[in-house]
Amino acid sequence: VARRLAERLGVPFYDEEIIAMAAESTGYNKDYIRENDEKAPDYSFSTLFSGFDSFQTSPFAKVQEEEFNIIREIASKGSCVIVGRAADYILSEERHVSIFLFAPFEDRVRRKLQIHNTAEPENLFDVPTAEKAVRQIDKQRRRYYEFYTDNKWGGREVYDLLINTSRSGVNGAVDIIEA
């Protein structure tokens, strides 16, 4: 939806591009940034006694801070489409439209199966594996968003527009947003 909207509007699109930009500016490996992208820090009891200086900025925190700075920078250059990463919150002082796309769980599992199995035919997902993956992604995104924003992920009071993509379809969602 986001990519098609950006193409239709003729504006820059940012998703994976933010990972590449963060890798370039921090010097961290793209894979490290991708692994930790849109994840809340995991503070476990064991880290309290690990000897890690809690006042020292962790590589994880540096990556998140850099992604936030990148989002502010690209938004300051003009209209664009940014996917996720709490951009609505980061840009809350700027003029923007925040949109939350959702669909029933079963539809998202079906979509995950189709996308994954098309992209990786040598490593096919079955339904239980796809269900687990969708639950994990939801949990990860929810934790990330709520950790950094203190807002409810998917809460209607936070977004300007919520769209059920199972009802609208991808092109219908793009049409709604464009309108």
Protein backbone atom coordinates (compact mmCIF):
# COMPACT_ATOMS: atom_id res chain seq x y z
CA VAL A 1 0.00 0.00 0.00
CA ALA A 2 2.68 2.48 1.04
CA ARG A 3 4.90 1.81 -1.97
CA ARG A 4 1.99 2.11 -4.41
CA LEU A 5 0.80 5.31 -2.72
CA ALA A 6 4.26 6.88 -2.99
CA GLU A 7 4.46 5.92 -6.67
CA ARG A 8 1.02 7.34 -7.36
CA LEU A 9 1.79 10.60 -5.54
CA GLY A 10 5.28 10.85 -7.01
CA VAL A 11 6.95 11.17 -3.59
CA PRO A 12 9.85 9.30 -1.99
CA PHE A 13 9.12 6.01 -0.22
CA TYR A 14 11.02 4.94 2.91
CA ASP A 15 11.02 1.55 4.59
CA GLU A 16 14.10 -0.62 4.08
CA GLU A 17 15.82 2.54 2.87
CA ILE A 18 15.90 3.76 6.48
CA ILE A 19 17.90 0.67 7.44
CA ALA A 20 20.47 1.40 4.71
CA MET A 21 20.70 5.04 5.77
CA ALA A 22 21.15 4.08 9.43
CA ALA A 23 23.88 1.58 8.50
CA GLU A 24 25.70 4.23 6.53
CA SER A 25 25.52 6.89 9.25
CA THR A 26 26.27 4.64 12.24
CA GLY A 27 28.78 2.31 10.63
CA TYR A 28 26.85 -0.70 11.91
CA ASN A 29 26.19 -3.66 9.65
CA LYS A 30 22.87 -3.56 7.74
CA ASP A 31 22.00 -7.04 9.01
CA TYR A 32 22.47 -5.93 12.64
CA ILE A 33 20.19 -2.96 12.07
CA ARG A 34 17.60 -5.09 10.23
CA GLU A 35 17.60 -7.65 13.07
CA ASN A 36 16.91 -4.91 15.61
CA ASP A 37 14.64 -2.75 13.48
CA GLU A 38 11.31 -1.89 15.11
CA LYS A 39 12.13 -3.82 18.27
CA ALA A 40 11.89 -2.50 21.79
CA PRO A 41 14.94 -3.06 23.97
CA ASP A 42 14.86 -6.23 26.02
CA TYR A 43 15.90 -5.33 29.53
CA SER A 44 16.28 -8.55 31.41
CA PHE A 45 17.17 -8.98 35.07
CA SER A 46 20.55 -10.43 34.11
CA THR A 47 21.64 -7.18 32.43
CA LEU A 48 21.37 -5.40 35.77
CA PHE A 49 24.33 -7.37 37.06
CA SER A 50 26.27 -7.79 33.84
CA GLY A 51 28.73 -5.01 34.53
CA PHE A 52 27.27 -3.01 31.63
CA ASP A 53 27.29 0.67 32.46
CA SER A 54 23.62 1.61 32.33
CA PHE A 55 24.53 5.22 31.55
CA GLN A 56 26.47 4.22 28.45
CA THR A 57 24.46 4.29 25.23
CA SER A 58 24.09 0.79 23.82
CA PRO A 59 24.57 0.11 20.09
CA PHE A 60 20.86 -0.77 20.00
CA ALA A 61 19.89 2.64 21.44
CA LYS A 62 22.22 4.40 19.01
CA VAL A 63 20.55 2.66 16.08
CA GLN A 64 17.06 3.63 17.27
CA GLU A 65 18.11 7.22 17.86
CA GLU A 66 19.70 7.40 14.42
CA GLU A 67 16.56 6.00 12.76
CA PHE A 68 14.48 8.65 14.56
CA ASN A 69 16.89 11.37 13.33
CA ILE A 70 16.72 10.00 9.79
CA ILE A 71 12.92 10.08 9.87
CA ARG A 72 12.96 13.72 10.99
CA GLU A 73 15.51 14.59 8.31
CA ILE A 74 13.71 12.94 5.40
CA ALA A 75 10.36 14.41 6.46
CA SER A 76 11.91 17.89 6.63
CA LYS A 77 12.82 17.63 2.93
CA GLY A 78 9.19 17.44 1.80
CA SER A 79 6.32 15.06 1.26
CA CYS A 80 7.12 11.37 1.49
CA VAL A 81 5.72 8.04 2.66
CA ILE A 82 7.38 6.45 5.70
CA VAL A 83 6.45 2.94 6.85
CA GLY A 84 6.29 2.23 10.58
CA ARG A 85 9.06 2.98 13.07
CA ALA A 86 6.71 5.18 15.14
CA ALA A 87 7.07 7.90 12.50
CA ASP A 88 3.66 9.31 13.45
CA TYR A 89 4.93 9.94 16.97
CA ILE A 90 8.38 11.13 15.90
CA LEU A 91 6.75 13.64 13.56
CA SER A 92 3.95 14.63 15.94
CA GLU A 93 5.11 18.27 15.91
CA GLU A 94 5.18 18.30 12.09
CA ARG A 95 2.34 18.32 9.58
CA HIS A 96 1.67 14.70 8.65
CA VAL A 97 -1.05 12.12 8.15
CA SER A 98 -0.77 8.93 10.16
CA ILE A 99 -2.43 5.80 8.84
CA PHE A 100 -2.83 2.36 10.39
CA LEU A 101 -3.53 -0.54 8.06
CA PHE A 102 -5.08 -3.65 9.55
CA ALA A 103 -6.80 -6.86 8.56
CA PRO A 104 -8.30 -9.87 10.34
CA PHE A 105 -5.73 -12.35 11.62
CA GLU A 106 -6.74 -15.12 9.20
CA ASP A 107 -6.31 -12.81 6.21
CA ARG A 108 -2.87 -11.69 7.39
CA VAL A 109 -1.82 -15.34 7.84
CA ARG A 110 -3.02 -16.15 4.33
CA ARG A 111 -1.11 -13.12 2.98
CA LYS A 112 2.03 -14.11 4.94
CA LEU A 113 1.86 -17.64 3.48
CA GLN A 114 1.51 -16.29 -0.04
CA ILE A 115 4.29 -13.70 0.23
CA HIS A 116 6.74 -15.96 2.05
CA ASN A 117 6.16 -19.04 -0.08
CA THR A 118 6.48 -17.02 -3.28
CA ALA A 119 9.70 -15.35 -2.11
CA GLU A 120 11.24 -18.47 -0.57
CA PRO A 121 9.93 -21.59 -2.37
CA GLU A 122 12.82 -23.61 -0.93
CA ASN A 123 11.66 -22.81 2.63
CA LEU A 124 7.86 -23.09 2.54
CA PHE A 125 5.71 -22.02 5.48
CA ASP A 126 2.76 -24.11 6.61
CA VAL A 127 -0.26 -22.50 8.31
CA PRO A 128 0.99 -22.95 11.93
CA THR A 129 4.37 -21.43 11.01
CA ALA A 130 2.70 -18.47 9.29
CA GLU A 131 0.39 -17.97 12.29
CA LYS A 132 3.37 -17.94 14.62
CA ALA A 133 5.21 -15.46 12.38
CA VAL A 134 2.23 -13.08 12.23
CA ARG A 135 1.77 -13.24 16.02
CA GLN A 136 5.48 -12.57 16.52
CA ILE A 137 5.47 -9.59 14.14
CA ASP A 138 2.39 -8.14 15.87
CA LYS A 139 3.96 -8.59 19.30
CA GLN A 140 7.25 -7.04 18.18
CA ARG A 141 5.59 -4.03 16.53
CA ARG A 142 3.25 -3.48 19.45
CA ARG A 143 6.10 -3.59 22.00
CA TYR A 144 8.23 -1.24 19.90
CA TYR A 145 5.48 1.30 19.26
CA GLU A 146 4.19 1.34 22.82
CA PHE A 147 7.70 1.43 24.34
CA TYR A 148 8.74 4.51 22.38
CA THR A 149 5.43 6.38 22.26
CA ASP A 150 3.33 5.49 25.32
CA ASN A 151 0.44 5.25 22.84
CA LYS A 152 -1.62 2.20 21.97
CA TRP A 153 -0.49 0.54 18.72
CA GLY A 154 -3.49 0.54 16.40
CA GLY A 155 -5.50 2.74 18.76
CA ARG A 156 -7.96 4.84 16.85
CA GLU A 157 -7.23 7.93 18.93
CA VAL A 158 -3.62 7.95 17.69
CA TYR A 159 -4.10 7.76 13.91
CA ASP A 160 -5.79 10.01 11.37
CA LEU A 161 -7.05 7.08 9.34
CA LEU A 162 -7.47 3.34 9.92
CA ILE A 163 -8.12 1.07 6.94
CA ASN A 164 -9.12 -2.58 6.88
CA THR A 165 -7.17 -3.83 3.87
CA SER A 166 -9.23 -7.03 3.71
CA ARG A 167 -12.24 -4.93 2.83
CA SER A 168 -10.58 -2.27 0.72
CA GLY A 169 -7.84 -4.31 -0.95
CA VAL A 170 -4.46 -2.79 -1.67
CA ASN A 171 -5.60 -0.54 -4.52
CA GLY A 172 -8.71 0.47 -2.61
CA ALA A 173 -6.59 1.48 0.37
CA VAL A 174 -4.38 3.55 -1.90
CA ASP A 175 -7.48 5.20 -3.39
CA ILE A 176 -8.84 6.01 0.08
CA ILE A 177 -5.57 7.52 1.27
CA GLU A 178 -5.06 9.51 -1.90
CA ALA A 179 -8.58 10.92 -1.65
